[in-house]
């Protein structure tokens, strides 16, 4: 089964056509689909349309939020409800084409765990395209996961991936990065990007600084999530070293200028004194924050695994036979030792 998770926000005009396209693809390729619409606090008739689709098609499942919680929350709710071994995510604005599903699945069959779409030719305005390209290049440079379009909503996952990647905030665009940090393989395919027919984009200039901050968060989580002191402590030690060197230098200069024939310096009139004190304070604070972060990471780590198991080996038949013989021999010895006294005389 393939579960299709579709976050929706005020997309009432698009849902019926999207459902028809999904049904056509399922019929053409004989897919067993589960279609999950997650209404992320829409204020139009989105939920009414979802209810109608669910009543007419048993494959449709609707989930309605009480208010707008964001796309990451909508995807998480859809992932929790997904029953398929393969999960596909897509947007509800008709710019993602369900006819691209065979391309995603074919790439997945090549051994990848995550397949992301790449909208090579986009029909968005330039003020969305160019910041997106800069963002994608920056993500690839910092994380090592080089995709042309991290923001593409059309992605395909194996179930193991969504079980191990936890979404919150606005980290939905970084699922391939989070998956790669767990050892999953990530690929991409070129897909068609269709012009928007209804509604308006939910993203504007405000997502640029948010995306950059989320990138820093992901970078920290994937590299230092279980050892925060390695980053905070390193920065703290550097700051402390600079501060201590400055204070030592000032102390030496104070002593030297007190010798006969030298003009004495007054430390409170020296800017280096304040720079050194600030460096010492920052270094101490970073170390303290690092220790607190380590304690939090230690507590959290008790409830989650920080490794990802791809598979197990099954014992060979010869090994299983040897184990059975060993167990039988041990059992015979136990029974022999447990015979009642004098039984050997009977």
Protein backbone atom coordinates (compact mmCIF):
# COMPACT_ATOMS: atom_id res chain seq x y z
CA UNK A 1 0.00 0.00 0.00
CA UNK A 2 1.06 3.58 -0.73
CA UNK A 3 -0.04 6.32 1.66
CA UNK A 4 -0.27 9.81 0.19
CA UNK A 5 -0.10 12.55 2.84
CA UNK A 6 -1.42 15.94 1.69
CA UNK A 7 -1.36 18.95 4.04
CA UNK A 8 -4.05 21.45 3.08
CA UNK A 9 -4.68 25.08 4.00
CA UNK A 10 -7.50 26.89 2.21
CA UNK A 11 -7.30 24.69 -0.91
CA UNK A 12 -11.00 23.93 -1.37
CA UNK A 13 -10.89 24.73 -5.10
CA UNK A 14 -8.13 22.20 -5.78
CA UNK A 15 -9.10 19.12 -3.77
CA UNK A 16 -11.65 17.53 -6.08
CA UNK A 17 -9.37 17.75 -9.11
CA UNK A 18 -6.44 16.46 -7.07
CA UNK A 19 -8.52 13.51 -5.89
CA UNK A 20 -9.51 12.68 -9.48
CA UNK A 21 -5.87 12.74 -10.57
CA UNK A 22 -4.87 10.48 -7.68
CA UNK A 23 -7.66 8.04 -8.52
CA UNK A 24 -6.62 8.00 -12.19
CA UNK A 25 -2.98 7.26 -11.32
CA UNK A 26 -4.02 4.49 -8.92
CA UNK A 27 -6.24 2.90 -11.57
CA UNK A 28 -3.67 3.21 -14.34
CA UNK A 29 -0.81 1.64 -12.37
CA UNK A 30 -2.89 -0.61 -10.11
CA UNK A 31 -1.74 1.15 -6.95
CA UNK A 32 -3.39 0.46 -3.61
CA UNK A 33 -3.64 4.01 -2.27
CA UNK A 34 -4.48 5.56 1.05
CA UNK A 35 -5.16 9.28 0.60
CA UNK A 36 -4.74 11.37 3.76
CA UNK A 37 -5.87 14.99 3.67
CA UNK A 38 -4.76 16.99 6.71
CA UNK A 39 -6.70 20.24 7.11
CA UNK A 40 -4.29 22.60 8.83
CA UNK A 41 -6.83 25.08 10.16
CA UNK A 42 -8.47 26.14 6.89
CA UNK A 43 -11.01 28.96 6.97
CA UNK A 44 -12.74 28.12 3.67
CA UNK A 45 -14.68 25.00 2.61
CA UNK A 46 -11.62 22.72 2.63
CA UNK A 47 -12.92 20.47 5.41
CA UNK A 48 -16.37 20.24 3.83
CA UNK A 49 -14.79 19.04 0.57
CA UNK A 50 -12.63 16.52 2.44
CA UNK A 51 -15.71 15.12 4.19
CA UNK A 52 -17.47 14.73 0.84
CA UNK A 53 -14.47 12.95 -0.69
CA UNK A 54 -14.16 10.63 2.30
CA UNK A 55 -17.86 9.76 2.11
CA UNK A 56 -17.57 8.89 -1.57
CA UNK A 57 -14.19 7.13 -1.49
CA UNK A 58 -13.16 4.71 1.29
CA UNK A 59 -9.50 5.33 0.44
CA UNK A 60 -9.73 8.92 1.69
CA UNK A 61 -8.98 9.78 5.31
CA UNK A 62 -9.49 13.32 6.59
CA UNK A 63 -7.73 14.83 9.60
CA UNK A 64 -8.77 18.26 10.84
CA UNK A 65 -6.72 20.50 13.13
CA UNK A 66 -8.42 22.90 15.53
CA UNK A 67 -6.21 25.71 14.23
CA UNK A 68 -3.21 26.24 11.99
CA UNK A 69 -0.25 24.35 13.47
CA UNK A 70 2.06 24.41 10.45
CA UNK A 71 3.07 22.04 7.70
CA UNK A 72 5.43 19.98 9.87
CA UNK A 73 2.61 19.21 12.30
CA UNK A 74 0.29 18.33 9.42
CA UNK A 75 2.85 15.94 7.97
CA UNK A 76 3.43 14.35 11.38
CA UNK A 77 -0.30 13.73 11.82
CA UNK A 78 -0.45 12.23 8.34
CA UNK A 79 2.57 10.03 9.01
CA UNK A 80 0.97 8.73 12.20
CA UNK A 81 -2.17 7.76 10.28
CA UNK A 82 -0.33 6.28 7.27
CA UNK A 83 -0.71 2.52 6.83
CA UNK A 84 1.39 2.01 3.71
CA UNK A 85 4.95 0.76 3.53
CA UNK A 86 5.67 3.68 1.20
CA UNK A 87 4.64 7.23 2.04
CA UNK A 88 4.41 10.02 -0.54
CA UNK A 89 3.96 13.65 0.45
CA UNK A 90 2.67 16.33 -1.89
CA UNK A 91 1.09 19.77 -1.82
CA UNK A 92 -2.60 20.32 -2.42
CA UNK A 93 -2.28 23.29 -4.80
CA UNK A 94 -2.08 21.12 -7.97
CA UNK A 95 1.49 22.23 -8.70
CA UNK A 96 2.63 18.68 -7.84
CA UNK A 97 1.51 16.12 -10.41
CA UNK A 98 0.42 12.64 -9.18
CA UNK A 99 1.51 11.28 -12.57
CA UNK A 100 5.09 11.60 -11.25
CA UNK A 101 4.52 8.78 -8.70
CA UNK A 102 6.02 6.06 -10.96
CA UNK A 103 9.26 8.07 -11.26
CA UNK A 104 9.53 8.39 -7.48
CA UNK A 105 8.79 4.70 -6.91
CA UNK A 106 11.25 3.60 -9.61
CA UNK A 107 13.99 5.64 -7.93
CA UNK A 108 13.03 4.15 -4.58
CA UNK A 109 13.39 0.65 -6.00
CA UNK A 110 17.01 1.45 -6.89
CA UNK A 111 17.83 1.22 -3.18
CA UNK A 112 17.09 4.71 -1.93
CA UNK A 113 15.15 5.35 1.26
CA UNK A 114 14.13 8.94 0.48
CA UNK A 115 13.41 10.35 -2.98
CA UNK A 116 12.90 14.08 -3.38
CA UNK A 117 11.42 15.82 -6.37
CA UNK A 118 13.41 18.42 -8.28
CA UNK A 119 11.36 21.12 -9.99
CA UNK A 120 13.98 21.84 -12.63
CA UNK A 121 11.72 24.28 -14.46
CA UNK A 122 9.69 26.37 -12.05
CA UNK A 123 6.70 28.62 -12.68
CA UNK A 124 7.17 30.72 -9.57
CA UNK A 125 8.16 34.42 -9.64
CA UNK A 126 11.86 35.27 -9.52
CA UNK A 127 11.70 36.54 -5.94
CA UNK A 128 10.82 32.99 -4.88
CA UNK A 129 13.08 31.10 -7.27
CA UNK A 130 16.41 32.83 -6.59
CA UNK A 131 16.23 32.81 -2.78
CA UNK A 132 15.26 29.14 -3.02
CA UNK A 133 18.32 28.35 -5.14
CA UNK A 134 20.61 30.16 -2.71
CA UNK A 135 18.98 28.31 0.17
CA UNK A 136 19.36 24.91 -1.50
CA UNK A 137 23.04 25.58 -2.23
CA UNK A 138 23.60 26.64 1.38
CA UNK A 139 21.86 23.55 2.75
CA UNK A 140 23.93 21.27 0.53
CA UNK A 141 27.16 23.01 1.52
CA UNK A 142 26.52 22.88 5.27
CA UNK A 143 24.86 19.47 5.59
CA UNK A 144 26.45 17.49 2.74
CA UNK A 145 23.00 16.47 1.43
CA UNK A 146 23.15 17.98 -2.05
CA UNK A 147 19.64 18.24 -3.44
CA UNK A 148 18.57 20.78 -6.02
CA UNK A 149 15.23 21.44 -4.32
CA UNK A 150 14.94 20.81 -0.59
CA UNK A 151 11.67 22.77 -0.53
CA UNK A 152 9.86 20.50 -2.98
CA UNK A 153 6.72 19.09 -1.39
CA UNK A 154 6.68 15.97 -3.57
CA UNK A 155 8.78 13.39 -1.75
CA UNK A 156 8.70 9.64 -1.28
CA UNK A 157 9.77 7.73 1.84
CA UNK A 158 10.07 4.21 3.09
CA UNK A 159 8.13 3.66 6.31
CA UNK A 160 11.34 3.16 8.30
CA UNK A 161 12.30 6.77 7.62
CA UNK A 162 9.17 8.37 9.07
CA UNK A 163 9.43 6.14 12.13
CA UNK A 164 12.85 7.55 12.96
CA UNK A 165 12.60 11.19 11.91
CA UNK A 166 10.67 13.46 14.26
CA UNK A 167 9.23 16.68 12.85
CA UNK A 168 8.47 19.87 14.72
CA UNK A 169 8.55 23.60 14.07
CA UNK A 170 9.24 24.05 10.35
CA UNK A 171 11.72 21.21 9.85
CA UNK A 172 9.60 19.49 7.20
CA UNK A 173 11.85 20.80 4.41
CA UNK A 174 14.83 19.13 6.10
CA UNK A 175 13.49 15.57 6.27
CA UNK A 176 16.11 14.35 3.74
CA UNK A 177 18.85 15.94 5.85
CA UNK A 178 17.51 14.41 9.06
CA UNK A 179 17.13 11.03 7.33
CA UNK A 180 20.66 11.17 5.93
CA UNK A 181 22.00 11.85 9.43
CA UNK A 182 20.45 8.53 10.49
CA UNK A 183 22.16 6.69 7.64
CA UNK A 184 19.31 6.55 5.13
CA UNK A 185 20.14 7.03 1.46
CA UNK A 186 18.67 10.05 -0.30
CA UNK A 187 18.08 10.56 -4.03
CA UNK A 188 16.13 12.88 -6.29
CA UNK A 189 14.30 12.84 -9.62
CA UNK A 190 13.31 15.62 -12.01
CA UNK A 191 9.58 16.28 -11.87
CA UNK A 192 7.16 18.60 -13.62
CA UNK A 193 6.17 21.79 -11.85
CA UNK A 194 2.75 23.01 -12.87
CA UNK A 195 1.54 26.61 -12.63
CA UNK A 196 -0.76 27.41 -9.73
CA UNK A 197 -4.40 27.42 -10.84
CA UNK A 198 -6.22 28.34 -7.64
CA UNK A 199 -5.53 30.22 -4.44
CA UNK A 200 -2.27 31.88 -3.52
CA UNK A 201 1.10 30.84 -2.19
CA UNK A 202 1.41 30.39 1.59
CA UNK A 203 5.07 31.39 1.56
CA UNK A 204 6.67 34.78 1.20
CA UNK A 205 9.79 36.69 2.11
CA UNK A 206 9.29 35.93 5.80
CA UNK A 207 10.30 32.30 5.31
CA UNK A 208 13.85 33.25 4.25
CA UNK A 209 15.15 34.17 7.74
CA UNK A 210 13.05 31.37 9.24
CA UNK A 211 14.58 28.88 6.82
CA UNK A 212 18.09 30.04 7.66
CA UNK A 213 17.43 29.69 11.40
CA UNK A 214 15.93 26.23 10.84
CA UNK A 215 19.04 25.32 8.86
CA UNK A 216 21.24 26.29 11.81
CA UNK A 217 19.00 24.23 14.08
CA UNK A 218 19.24 21.17 11.85
CA UNK A 219 22.99 21.61 11.51
CA UNK A 220 23.35 21.64 15.29
CA UNK A 221 20.94 18.75 15.84
CA UNK A 222 22.50 16.44 13.26
CA UNK A 223 26.10 17.12 14.33
CA UNK A 224 25.93 17.91 18.02
CA UNK A 225 22.46 16.83 19.14
CA UNK A 226 23.90 14.13 21.42
CA UNK A 227 27.11 15.95 22.33
CA UNK A 228 26.24 19.65 22.63
CA UNK A 229 29.25 20.31 24.82
CA UNK A 230 31.54 19.49 21.90
CA UNK A 231 30.32 22.63 20.14
CA UNK A 232 29.43 24.88 23.05
CA UNK A 233 32.41 23.77 25.10
CA UNK A 234 34.83 24.27 22.22
CA UNK A 235 33.57 27.80 21.66
CA UNK A 236 33.68 28.41 25.40
CA UNK A 237 37.27 27.20 25.72
CA UNK A 238 38.37 29.41 22.83
CA UNK A 239 36.71 32.43 24.42
CA UNK A 240 38.20 31.60 27.82
CA UNK A 241 41.65 31.19 26.30
CA UNK A 242 41.42 34.58 24.59
CA UNK A 243 40.25 36.22 27.80
CA UNK A 244 42.95 34.59 29.94
CA UNK A 245 45.66 35.48 27.43
CA UNK A 246 44.47 39.09 27.44
CA UNK A 247 44.43 39.26 31.23
CA UNK A 248 47.89 37.69 31.44
CA UNK A 249 49.24 40.15 28.89
CA UNK A 250 47.76 43.08 30.79
CA UNK A 251 49.18 41.81 34.07
CA UNK A 252 52.66 41.53 32.56
CA UNK A 253 52.42 45.00 31.02
CA UNK A 254 51.25 46.45 34.34
CA UNK A 255 54.29 45.00 36.09
CA UNK A 256 56.72 46.06 33.35
CA UNK A 257 55.47 49.65 33.26
CA UNK A 258 55.97 49.91 37.00
CA UNK A 259 59.72 49.54 36.58
CA UNK A 260 61.83 52.72 36.84
CA UNK A 261 61.99 54.75 33.65
CA UNK A 262 58.65 53.49 32.23
CA UNK A 263 55.36 55.30 32.09
CA UNK A 264 52.84 53.25 34.09
CA UNK A 265 49.60 52.17 32.45
CA UNK A 266 46.22 52.20 34.16
CA UNK A 267 44.24 49.07 33.37
CA UNK A 268 40.83 50.68 33.81
CA UNK A 269 41.73 53.02 30.96
CA UNK A 270 42.69 50.13 28.65
CA UNK A 271 40.05 48.76 26.26
CA UNK A 272 41.81 45.37 26.22
CA UNK A 273 40.80 44.88 29.87
CA UNK A 274 37.10 45.02 29.02
CA UNK A 275 37.50 42.83 25.92
CA UNK A 276 39.27 40.22 28.03
CA UNK A 277 36.63 40.33 30.76
CA UNK A 278 33.85 39.92 28.17
CA UNK A 279 35.70 36.97 26.60
CA UNK A 280 36.05 35.33 30.04
CA UNK A 281 32.36 35.82 30.82
CA UNK A 282 31.21 34.50 27.44
CA UNK A 283 33.50 31.48 27.73
CA UNK A 284 32.22 30.64 31.20
CA UNK A 285 28.61 30.99 30.07
CA UNK A 286 29.09 28.77 27.03
CA UNK A 287 30.67 26.07 29.17
CA UNK A 288 27.84 26.29 31.69
CA UNK A 289 25.20 26.13 28.94
CA UNK A 290 27.06 23.15 27.47
CA UNK A 291 26.87 21.26 30.76
CA UNK A 292 23.14 21.99 31.06
CA UNK A 293 22.61 20.86 27.44
CA UNK A 294 24.54 17.65 28.17
CA UNK A 295 22.28 16.89 31.14
CA UNK A 296 19.18 17.49 29.02
CA UNK A 297 20.56 15.29 26.23
CA UNK A 298 21.33 12.58 28.81
CA UNK A 299 17.75 12.63 30.11
CA UNK A 300 16.21 12.63 26.63
CA UNK A 301 18.48 9.85 25.39
CA UNK A 302 16.91 7.40 27.84
CA UNK A 303 13.68 7.41 25.85
CA UNK A 304 15.06 7.23 22.31
CA UNK A 305 17.60 5.33 20.26
CA UNK A 306 20.44 7.19 18.61
CA UNK A 307 21.16 4.56 16.02
CA UNK A 308 19.29 3.13 13.07
CA UNK A 309 19.14 -0.62 12.39
CA UNK A 310 18.76 -1.58 8.74
CA UNK A 311 18.37 -5.33 9.25
CA UNK A 312 19.34 -8.47 11.13
CA UNK A 313 20.98 -11.69 10.07
CA UNK A 314 18.97 -14.89 10.36
CA UNK A 315 20.79 -17.95 11.80
CA UNK A 316 21.76 -20.50 9.15
CA UNK A 317 20.18 -23.95 9.24
CA UNK A 318 23.45 -25.60 10.30
CA UNK A 319 23.91 -23.12 13.12
CA UNK A 320 20.32 -23.62 14.20
CA UNK A 321 20.79 -27.41 14.16
CA UNK A 322 23.98 -27.13 16.23
CA UNK A 323 22.22 -24.91 18.75
CA UNK A 324 19.34 -27.37 19.00
CA UNK A 325 21.74 -30.27 19.57
CA UNK A 326 23.57 -28.31 22.23
CA UNK A 327 20.33 -27.51 23.99
CA UNK A 328 19.18 -31.16 23.78
CA UNK A 329 22.51 -32.39 25.16
CA UNK A 330 22.32 -29.93 28.02
CA UNK A 331 18.73 -30.97 28.72
CA UNK A 332 19.71 -34.70 28.76
CA UNK A 333 22.48 -33.98 31.27
CA UNK A 334 20.07 -32.12 33.52
CA UNK A 335 17.56 -34.99 33.40
CA UNK A 336 20.31 -37.54 34.10
CA UNK A 337 21.47 -35.57 37.11
CA UNK A 338 17.91 -35.33 38.38
CA UNK A 339 17.29 -39.16 38.52
CA UNK A 340 16.26 -40.27 42.05
CA UNK A 341 18.91 -41.97 44.23
CA UNK A 342 19.08 -45.73 43.70
CA UNK A 343 17.45 -45.64 40.31
CA UNK A 344 20.60 -47.12 38.78
CA UNK A 345 20.04 -50.32 40.86
CA UNK A 346 16.57 -50.96 39.48
